[in-house]
Amino acid sequence: MIEIERKFLVTSTAFIAESYTQHTIAQGYLNSNPGRTVRIRIKGEKGFITIKGIGNESGASRLEWEKEIPLEEAKLLLPLCEKGAIEKTRYEVKSGNHIIEVDIFHGENEGLILAEIELKNENETIEKPSWLGTEVTGDKRYYNSYLSLHPYKIW
């Protein structure tokens, strides 16, 4: 239940040609408190509820509990979320032994492209494609829960 991931800004859309899948994602937060975020997500035709704890000192590790829920239930819960829904398209790209999830944000966060790489441990080596830019792991401004309340367009 511990999620270990690193986040990066993305410098170009070259990853789209390298991706093997893409999904539209809509998500909102029932609770955006950094110590215990509760998220409702619709990814493609599936619904999910996720609880995340506060990150460790580096920001790379935190508790994450996620369960798939029926799509209809996710659709009913999404309108109950706090103001500031997140809309994005997620691309998945294989890089070495890892899958890089790249999100192109829409709506109030238009213009932001972020990549996340899940790891088995914080010191794991990753192969960085040329389009992977500055690392922003631990920078709370790039957490989706923060973006829902402080959209990228107004930075």
N, C-alpha and C. Protein backbone atom coordinates (compact mmCIF):
# COMPACT_ATOMS: atom_id res chain seq x y z
N MET A 1 0.80 -1.21 0.00
CA MET A 1 0.00 0.00 0.00
C MET A 1 0.85 1.27 0.00
N ILE A 2 2.14 1.14 -0.11
CA ILE A 2 3.00 2.32 -0.20
C ILE A 2 3.28 2.60 -1.68
N GLU A 3 2.94 3.81 -2.10
CA GLU A 3 3.21 4.24 -3.46
C GLU A 3 4.55 4.97 -3.46
N ILE A 4 5.43 4.56 -4.37
CA ILE A 4 6.71 5.24 -4.54
C ILE A 4 6.75 5.72 -5.98
N GLU A 5 6.82 7.02 -6.18
CA GLU A 5 6.84 7.55 -7.54
C GLU A 5 7.64 8.83 -7.61
N ARG A 6 8.17 9.07 -8.80
CA ARG A 6 8.85 10.33 -9.09
C ARG A 6 8.07 11.04 -10.17
N LYS A 7 8.04 12.38 -10.09
CA LYS A 7 7.29 13.20 -11.04
C LYS A 7 8.24 14.11 -11.79
N PHE A 8 7.91 14.32 -13.06
CA PHE A 8 8.73 15.17 -13.92
C PHE A 8 7.83 16.03 -14.79
N LEU A 9 8.31 17.23 -15.12
CA LEU A 9 7.68 18.02 -16.18
C LEU A 9 8.07 17.36 -17.50
N VAL A 10 7.27 17.58 -18.52
CA VAL A 10 7.51 17.00 -19.84
C VAL A 10 7.77 18.14 -20.81
N THR A 11 8.83 17.99 -21.62
CA THR A 11 9.30 19.09 -22.46
C THR A 11 8.74 19.08 -23.88
N SER A 12 8.17 17.95 -24.33
CA SER A 12 7.59 17.89 -25.68
C SER A 12 6.54 16.79 -25.72
N THR A 13 5.79 16.75 -26.80
CA THR A 13 4.77 15.71 -26.95
C THR A 13 5.29 14.50 -27.74
N ALA A 14 6.60 14.35 -27.83
CA ALA A 14 7.18 13.20 -28.55
C ALA A 14 6.74 11.88 -27.94
N PHE A 15 6.38 11.88 -26.66
CA PHE A 15 5.96 10.65 -25.98
C PHE A 15 4.69 10.05 -26.59
N ILE A 16 3.87 10.86 -27.25
CA ILE A 16 2.61 10.35 -27.80
C ILE A 16 2.89 9.24 -28.82
N ALA A 17 3.88 9.42 -29.66
CA ALA A 17 4.23 8.40 -30.66
C ALA A 17 4.78 7.14 -30.00
N GLU A 18 5.32 7.26 -28.80
CA GLU A 18 5.90 6.12 -28.08
C GLU A 18 4.87 5.41 -27.19
N SER A 19 3.72 6.01 -26.99
CA SER A 19 2.74 5.45 -26.06
C SER A 19 2.04 4.23 -26.65
N TYR A 20 1.63 3.34 -25.75
CA TYR A 20 0.92 2.15 -26.19
C TYR A 20 -0.54 2.15 -25.76
N THR A 21 -0.93 3.13 -24.94
CA THR A 21 -2.33 3.26 -24.55
C THR A 21 -2.60 4.69 -24.08
N GLN A 22 -3.86 5.07 -24.15
CA GLN A 22 -4.27 6.37 -23.62
C GLN A 22 -5.69 6.28 -23.09
N HIS A 23 -5.96 7.07 -22.04
CA HIS A 23 -7.28 7.09 -21.41
C HIS A 23 -7.63 8.52 -21.04
N THR A 24 -8.91 8.84 -21.08
CA THR A 24 -9.36 10.11 -20.53
C THR A 24 -9.64 9.88 -19.05
N ILE A 25 -9.32 10.88 -18.24
CA ILE A 25 -9.51 10.79 -16.80
C ILE A 25 -10.24 12.04 -16.33
N ALA A 26 -11.26 11.81 -15.50
CA ALA A 26 -11.94 12.89 -14.79
C ALA A 26 -11.86 12.52 -13.32
N GLN A 27 -11.46 13.45 -12.48
CA GLN A 27 -11.36 13.13 -11.06
C GLN A 27 -11.65 14.35 -10.22
N GLY A 28 -12.11 14.07 -9.02
CA GLY A 28 -12.37 15.11 -8.04
C GLY A 28 -12.00 14.61 -6.67
N TYR A 29 -11.99 15.53 -5.71
CA TYR A 29 -11.56 15.21 -4.35
C TYR A 29 -12.70 15.42 -3.37
N LEU A 30 -13.05 14.33 -2.68
CA LEU A 30 -14.00 14.44 -1.58
C LEU A 30 -13.32 15.13 -0.40
N ASN A 31 -11.99 14.95 -0.32
CA ASN A 31 -11.18 15.61 0.71
C ASN A 31 -9.80 15.87 0.10
N SER A 32 -9.40 17.13 0.06
CA SER A 32 -8.10 17.48 -0.53
C SER A 32 -7.04 17.78 0.53
N ASN A 33 -7.32 17.46 1.79
CA ASN A 33 -6.33 17.64 2.85
C ASN A 33 -5.11 16.79 2.53
N PRO A 34 -3.89 17.37 2.47
CA PRO A 34 -2.70 16.61 2.07
C PRO A 34 -2.42 15.39 2.93
N GLY A 35 -2.88 15.37 4.16
CA GLY A 35 -2.64 14.24 5.04
C GLY A 35 -3.53 13.05 4.79
N ARG A 36 -4.62 13.27 4.04
CA ARG A 36 -5.58 12.20 3.79
C ARG A 36 -6.50 12.57 2.62
N THR A 37 -5.96 12.62 1.44
CA THR A 37 -6.80 12.95 0.29
C THR A 37 -7.68 11.75 -0.05
N VAL A 38 -8.90 12.06 -0.46
CA VAL A 38 -9.85 11.04 -0.91
C VAL A 38 -10.32 11.45 -2.29
N ARG A 39 -10.00 10.62 -3.26
CA ARG A 39 -10.24 10.95 -4.66
C ARG A 39 -11.25 10.00 -5.28
N ILE A 40 -12.09 10.55 -6.15
CA ILE A 40 -12.97 9.75 -7.02
C ILE A 40 -12.45 9.96 -8.43
N ARG A 41 -12.27 8.86 -9.16
CA ARG A 41 -11.71 8.97 -10.52
C ARG A 41 -12.53 8.10 -11.48
N ILE A 42 -12.74 8.66 -12.66
CA ILE A 42 -13.26 7.89 -13.78
C ILE A 42 -12.15 7.85 -14.82
N LYS A 43 -11.68 6.64 -15.09
CA LYS A 43 -10.60 6.43 -16.07
C LYS A 43 -11.17 5.54 -17.16
N GLY A 44 -11.39 6.14 -18.33
CA GLY A 44 -12.04 5.38 -19.40
C GLY A 44 -13.44 4.99 -18.96
N GLU A 45 -13.70 3.70 -18.87
CA GLU A 45 -15.01 3.19 -18.47
C GLU A 45 -14.98 2.54 -17.09
N LYS A 46 -14.02 2.94 -16.25
CA LYS A 46 -13.90 2.36 -14.91
C LYS A 46 -13.91 3.47 -13.86
N GLY A 47 -14.43 3.13 -12.68
CA GLY A 47 -14.46 4.05 -11.57
C GLY A 47 -13.52 3.59 -10.46
N PHE A 48 -12.99 4.55 -9.70
CA PHE A 48 -12.06 4.23 -8.62
C PHE A 48 -12.26 5.19 -7.46
N ILE A 49 -12.01 4.70 -6.26
CA ILE A 49 -11.89 5.55 -5.08
C ILE A 49 -10.49 5.31 -4.53
N THR A 50 -9.82 6.40 -4.17
CA THR A 50 -8.43 6.32 -3.72
C THR A 50 -8.25 7.19 -2.49
N ILE A 51 -7.52 6.66 -1.51
CA ILE A 51 -7.13 7.42 -0.33
C ILE A 51 -5.61 7.47 -0.32
N LYS A 52 -5.07 8.68 -0.15
CA LYS A 52 -3.61 8.85 -0.09
C LYS A 52 -3.25 9.56 1.20
N GLY A 53 -2.15 9.12 1.80
CA GLY A 53 -1.63 9.77 3.00
C GLY A 53 -0.62 10.83 2.63
N ILE A 54 -0.05 11.45 3.65
CA ILE A 54 0.96 12.49 3.44
C ILE A 54 2.26 11.84 2.98
N GLY A 55 2.99 12.54 2.13
CA GLY A 55 4.26 12.02 1.63
C GLY A 55 5.37 12.06 2.65
N ASN A 56 6.41 11.26 2.42
CA ASN A 56 7.59 11.30 3.28
C ASN A 56 8.40 12.57 2.98
N GLU A 57 9.56 12.68 3.58
CA GLU A 57 10.37 13.89 3.45
C GLU A 57 10.72 14.21 2.00
N SER A 58 11.05 13.20 1.19
CA SER A 58 11.41 13.44 -0.21
C SER A 58 10.19 13.68 -1.09
N GLY A 59 9.02 13.28 -0.59
CA GLY A 59 7.81 13.40 -1.38
C GLY A 59 7.58 12.25 -2.33
N ALA A 60 8.48 11.27 -2.35
CA ALA A 60 8.38 10.16 -3.30
C ALA A 60 7.52 9.01 -2.80
N SER A 61 7.37 8.86 -1.49
CA SER A 61 6.64 7.72 -0.92
C SER A 61 5.48 8.19 -0.07
N ARG A 62 4.36 7.50 -0.20
CA ARG A 62 3.21 7.73 0.68
C ARG A 62 2.24 6.57 0.60
N LEU A 63 1.42 6.46 1.61
CA LEU A 63 0.40 5.42 1.63
C LEU A 63 -0.62 5.70 0.53
N GLU A 64 -1.00 4.66 -0.19
CA GLU A 64 -2.05 4.78 -1.19
C GLU A 64 -2.91 3.53 -1.15
N TRP A 65 -4.21 3.74 -1.04
CA TRP A 65 -5.18 2.65 -1.05
C TRP A 65 -6.17 2.97 -2.15
N GLU A 66 -6.34 2.05 -3.10
CA GLU A 66 -7.24 2.30 -4.23
C GLU A 66 -8.08 1.06 -4.49
N LYS A 67 -9.36 1.29 -4.77
CA LYS A 67 -10.27 0.20 -5.11
C LYS A 67 -11.10 0.61 -6.32
N GLU A 68 -11.31 -0.34 -7.21
CA GLU A 68 -12.22 -0.09 -8.32
C GLU A 68 -13.64 -0.13 -7.79
N ILE A 69 -14.46 0.81 -8.25
CA ILE A 69 -15.87 0.85 -7.89
C ILE A 69 -16.68 0.87 -9.19
N PRO A 70 -17.95 0.51 -9.14
CA PRO A 70 -18.76 0.56 -10.36
C PRO A 70 -18.77 1.97 -10.97
N LEU A 71 -18.70 2.02 -12.29
CA LEU A 71 -18.68 3.29 -13.01
C LEU A 71 -19.86 4.17 -12.61
N GLU A 72 -21.04 3.59 -12.50
CA GLU A 72 -22.23 4.37 -12.14
C GLU A 72 -22.08 5.02 -10.76
N GLU A 73 -21.44 4.31 -9.82
CA GLU A 73 -21.23 4.88 -8.49
C GLU A 73 -20.22 6.04 -8.57
N ALA A 74 -19.18 5.87 -9.36
CA ALA A 74 -18.19 6.96 -9.53
C ALA A 74 -18.87 8.18 -10.13
N LYS A 75 -19.76 7.96 -11.09
CA LYS A 75 -20.48 9.09 -11.71
C LYS A 75 -21.38 9.81 -10.71
N LEU A 76 -21.94 9.07 -9.75
CA LEU A 76 -22.78 9.68 -8.72
C LEU A 76 -21.94 10.42 -7.67
N LEU A 77 -20.75 9.91 -7.38
CA LEU A 77 -19.90 10.52 -6.36
C LEU A 77 -19.14 11.74 -6.87
N LEU A 78 -18.81 11.78 -8.14
CA LEU A 78 -18.00 12.88 -8.68
C LEU A 78 -18.63 14.26 -8.43
N PRO A 79 -19.96 14.43 -8.59
CA PRO A 79 -20.54 15.75 -8.31
C PRO A 79 -20.49 16.16 -6.84
N LEU A 80 -20.25 15.22 -5.93
CA LEU A 80 -20.14 15.53 -4.51
C LEU A 80 -18.76 16.09 -4.13
N CYS A 81 -17.83 16.02 -5.07
CA CYS A 81 -16.44 16.43 -4.80
C CYS A 81 -16.32 17.94 -4.64
N GLU A 82 -15.21 18.33 -3.99
CA GLU A 82 -14.88 19.74 -3.85
C GLU A 82 -14.78 20.39 -5.22
N LYS A 83 -14.88 21.70 -5.24
CA LYS A 83 -14.73 22.47 -6.47
C LYS A 83 -13.35 22.20 -7.08
N GLY A 84 -13.28 22.17 -8.39
CA GLY A 84 -11.99 22.04 -9.07
C GLY A 84 -11.69 20.65 -9.59
N ALA A 85 -12.53 20.15 -10.48
CA ALA A 85 -12.29 18.83 -11.07
C ALA A 85 -11.04 18.85 -11.93
N ILE A 86 -10.38 17.71 -11.99
CA ILE A 86 -9.20 17.52 -12.83
C ILE A 86 -9.62 16.75 -14.07
N GLU A 87 -9.22 17.27 -15.23
CA GLU A 87 -9.47 16.61 -16.51
C GLU A 87 -8.13 16.43 -17.20
N LYS A 88 -7.88 15.21 -17.68
CA LYS A 88 -6.60 14.97 -18.34
C LYS A 88 -6.69 13.74 -19.24
N THR A 89 -5.73 13.66 -20.14
CA THR A 89 -5.56 12.47 -20.95
C THR A 89 -4.25 11.83 -20.52
N ARG A 90 -4.31 10.54 -20.19
CA ARG A 90 -3.12 9.83 -19.72
C ARG A 90 -2.61 8.90 -20.81
N TYR A 91 -1.31 9.02 -21.06
CA TYR A 91 -0.61 8.15 -22.01
C TYR A 91 0.35 7.27 -21.21
N GLU A 92 0.49 6.02 -21.62
CA GLU A 92 1.44 5.13 -20.96
C GLU A 92 2.54 4.77 -21.95
N VAL A 93 3.79 4.92 -21.47
CA VAL A 93 4.97 4.70 -22.31
C VAL A 93 5.91 3.75 -21.57
N LYS A 94 6.38 2.73 -22.25
CA LYS A 94 7.36 1.82 -21.65
C LYS A 94 8.75 2.45 -21.79
N SER A 95 9.51 2.43 -20.69
CA SER A 95 10.87 2.95 -20.69
C SER A 95 11.72 2.04 -19.82
N GLY A 96 12.55 1.22 -20.43
CA GLY A 96 13.33 0.25 -19.67
C GLY A 96 12.40 -0.71 -18.95
N ASN A 97 12.57 -0.84 -17.63
CA ASN A 97 11.72 -1.72 -16.82
C ASN A 97 10.50 -1.02 -16.24
N HIS A 98 10.26 0.21 -16.65
CA HIS A 98 9.19 1.00 -16.05
C HIS A 98 8.13 1.41 -17.08
N ILE A 99 7.00 1.76 -16.54
CA ILE A 99 5.94 2.39 -17.32
C ILE A 99 5.87 3.85 -16.87
N ILE A 100 5.96 4.76 -17.82
CA ILE A 100 5.83 6.19 -17.51
C ILE A 100 4.41 6.59 -17.87
N GLU A 101 3.71 7.15 -16.89
CA GLU A 101 2.36 7.68 -17.13
C GLU A 101 2.49 9.17 -17.36
N VAL A 102 2.07 9.62 -18.55
CA VAL A 102 2.18 11.03 -18.91
C VAL A 102 0.78 11.62 -19.03
N ASP A 103 0.54 12.68 -18.27
CA ASP A 103 -0.77 13.33 -18.26
C ASP A 103 -0.71 14.68 -18.95
N ILE A 104 -1.57 14.84 -19.95
CA ILE A 104 -1.81 16.14 -20.57
C ILE A 104 -3.08 16.68 -19.92
N PHE A 105 -2.94 17.79 -19.20
CA PHE A 105 -4.07 18.35 -18.48
C PHE A 105 -4.92 19.23 -19.39
N HIS A 106 -6.21 19.27 -19.08
CA HIS A 106 -7.17 20.06 -19.83
C HIS A 106 -7.88 21.03 -18.88
N GLY A 107 -8.80 21.79 -19.40
CA GLY A 107 -9.59 22.71 -18.57
C GLY A 107 -8.72 23.75 -17.91
N GLU A 108 -8.90 23.95 -16.61
CA GLU A 108 -8.19 24.98 -15.85
C GLU A 108 -6.69 24.71 -15.71
N ASN A 109 -6.26 23.48 -16.02
CA ASN A 109 -4.84 23.13 -15.93
C ASN A 109 -4.21 22.93 -17.30
N GLU A 110 -4.89 23.44 -18.33
CA GLU A 110 -4.38 23.37 -19.71
C GLU A 110 -2.97 23.94 -19.78
N GLY A 111 -2.10 23.26 -20.53
CA GLY A 111 -0.73 23.70 -20.68
C GLY A 111 0.25 22.92 -19.83
N LEU A 112 -0.26 22.17 -18.87
CA LEU A 112 0.61 21.38 -17.99
C LEU A 112 0.68 19.94 -18.49
N ILE A 113 1.90 19.44 -18.59
CA ILE A 113 2.13 18.03 -18.95
C ILE A 113 3.09 17.47 -17.91
N LEU A 114 2.63 16.44 -17.19
CA LEU A 114 3.41 15.81 -16.13
C LEU A 114 3.61 14.33 -16.40
N ALA A 115 4.74 13.80 -15.98
CA ALA A 115 5.02 12.37 -16.08
C ALA A 115 5.27 11.82 -14.68
N GLU A 116 4.77 10.61 -14.44
CA GLU A 116 5.00 9.91 -13.18
C GLU A 116 5.57 8.54 -13.47
N ILE A 117 6.53 8.14 -12.64
CA ILE A 117 7.13 6.81 -12.77
C ILE A 117 7.03 6.13 -11.42
N GLU A 118 6.30 5.01 -11.34
CA GLU A 118 6.21 4.25 -10.10
C GLU A 118 7.43 3.36 -9.96
N LEU A 119 7.94 3.30 -8.72
CA LEU A 119 9.17 2.57 -8.44
C LEU A 119 8.94 1.51 -7.36
N LYS A 120 9.88 0.58 -7.27
CA LYS A 120 9.85 -0.42 -6.19
C LYS A 120 10.55 0.12 -4.95
N ASN A 121 11.54 1.01 -5.14
CA ASN A 121 12.20 1.69 -4.03
C ASN A 121 12.67 3.05 -4.51
N GLU A 122 12.91 3.96 -3.57
CA GLU A 122 13.24 5.34 -3.92
C GLU A 122 14.57 5.50 -4.64
N ASN A 123 15.48 4.55 -4.47
CA ASN A 123 16.81 4.66 -5.08
C ASN A 123 16.93 3.93 -6.41
N GLU A 124 15.83 3.43 -6.90
CA GLU A 124 15.82 2.67 -8.15
C GLU A 124 16.24 3.57 -9.32
N THR A 125 17.08 3.03 -10.20
CA THR A 125 17.53 3.76 -11.39
C THR A 125 16.45 3.72 -12.46
N ILE A 126 16.27 4.84 -13.14
CA ILE A 126 15.29 4.91 -14.22
C ILE A 126 15.97 5.38 -15.50
N GLU A 127 15.44 4.91 -16.62
CA GLU A 127 15.89 5.39 -17.93
C GLU A 127 15.03 6.60 -18.28
N LYS A 128 15.67 7.74 -18.48
CA LYS A 128 14.93 8.96 -18.75
C LYS A 128 14.92 9.27 -20.24
N PRO A 129 13.73 9.21 -20.86
CA PRO A 129 13.62 9.62 -22.26
C PRO A 129 13.97 11.10 -22.43
N SER A 130 14.30 11.51 -23.64
CA SER A 130 14.72 12.88 -23.91
C SER A 130 13.63 13.91 -23.59
N TRP A 131 12.37 13.52 -23.64
CA TRP A 131 11.27 14.44 -23.40
C TRP A 131 10.95 14.63 -21.91
N LEU A 132 11.64 13.88 -21.04
CA LEU A 132 11.44 14.02 -19.60
C LEU A 132 12.28 15.18 -19.10
N GLY A 133 11.61 16.18 -18.51
CA GLY A 133 12.31 17.40 -18.10
C GLY A 133 12.64 17.44 -16.62
N THR A 134 12.46 18.60 -16.04
CA THR A 134 12.80 18.85 -14.64
C THR A 134 12.01 17.96 -13.70
N GLU A 135 12.70 17.41 -12.70
CA GLU A 135 12.01 16.60 -11.70
C GLU A 135 11.29 17.52 -10.72
N VAL A 136 10.02 17.18 -10.41
CA VAL A 136 9.21 17.96 -9.48
C VAL A 136 8.67 17.10 -8.34
N THR A 137 9.29 15.93 -8.12
CA THR A 137 8.89 15.06 -7.02
C THR A 137 8.93 15.86 -5.72
N GLY A 138 7.87 15.76 -4.95
CA GLY A 138 7.82 16.46 -3.66
C GLY A 138 7.36 17.90 -3.74
N ASP A 139 7.25 18.47 -4.94
CA ASP A 139 6.75 19.84 -5.10
C ASP A 139 5.23 19.77 -5.09
N LYS A 140 4.64 20.17 -4.00
CA LYS A 140 3.20 20.02 -3.79
C LYS A 140 2.35 20.73 -4.84
N ARG A 141 2.92 21.72 -5.53
CA ARG A 141 2.16 22.42 -6.57
C ARG A 141 1.74 21.47 -7.69
N TYR A 142 2.46 20.37 -7.84
CA TYR A 142 2.17 19.44 -8.94
C TYR A 142 1.33 18.25 -8.49
N TYR A 143 0.85 18.24 -7.25
CA TYR A 143 -0.10 17.21 -6.81
C TYR A 143 -1.45 17.56 -7.42
N ASN A 144 -2.16 16.57 -7.89
CA ASN A 144 -3.47 16.81 -8.48
C ASN A 144 -4.42 17.48 -7.49
N SER A 145 -4.32 17.11 -6.21
CA SER A 145 -5.21 17.73 -5.21
C SER A 145 -4.92 19.24 -5.10
N TYR A 146 -3.67 19.63 -5.23
CA TYR A 146 -3.32 21.06 -5.21
C TYR A 146 -3.83 21.74 -6.49
N LEU A 147 -3.62 21.08 -7.63
CA LEU A 147 -4.05 21.65 -8.91
C LEU A 147 -5.57 21.84 -8.97
N SER A 148 -6.30 21.00 -8.25
CA SER A 148 -7.76 21.14 -8.26
C SER A 148 -8.19 22.44 -7.58
N LEU A 149 -7.41 22.90 -6.60
CA LEU A 149 -7.73 24.13 -5.88
C LEU A 149 -6.98 25.36 -6.40
N HIS A 150 -5.82 25.11 -7.02
CA HIS A 150 -4.95 26.19 -7.53
C HIS A 150 -4.56 25.86 -8.96
N PRO A 151 -5.47 26.06 -9.92
CA PRO A 151 -5.22 25.65 -11.30
C PRO A 151 -3.96 26.25 -11.91
N TYR A 152 -3.32 25.47 -12.73
CA TYR A 152 -2.07 25.84 -13.39
C TYR A 152 -2.21 27.14 -14.19
N LYS A 153 -3.40 27.37 -14.78
CA LYS A 153 -3.62 28.58 -15.61
C LYS A 153 -3.44 29.87 -14.83
N ILE A 154 -3.59 29.84 -13.50
CA ILE A 154 -3.49 31.09 -12.74
C ILE A 154 -2.15 31.25 -12.02
N TRP A 155 -1.20 30.37 -12.26
CA TRP A 155 0.11 30.48 -11.59
C TRP A 155 0.76 31.73 -12.04
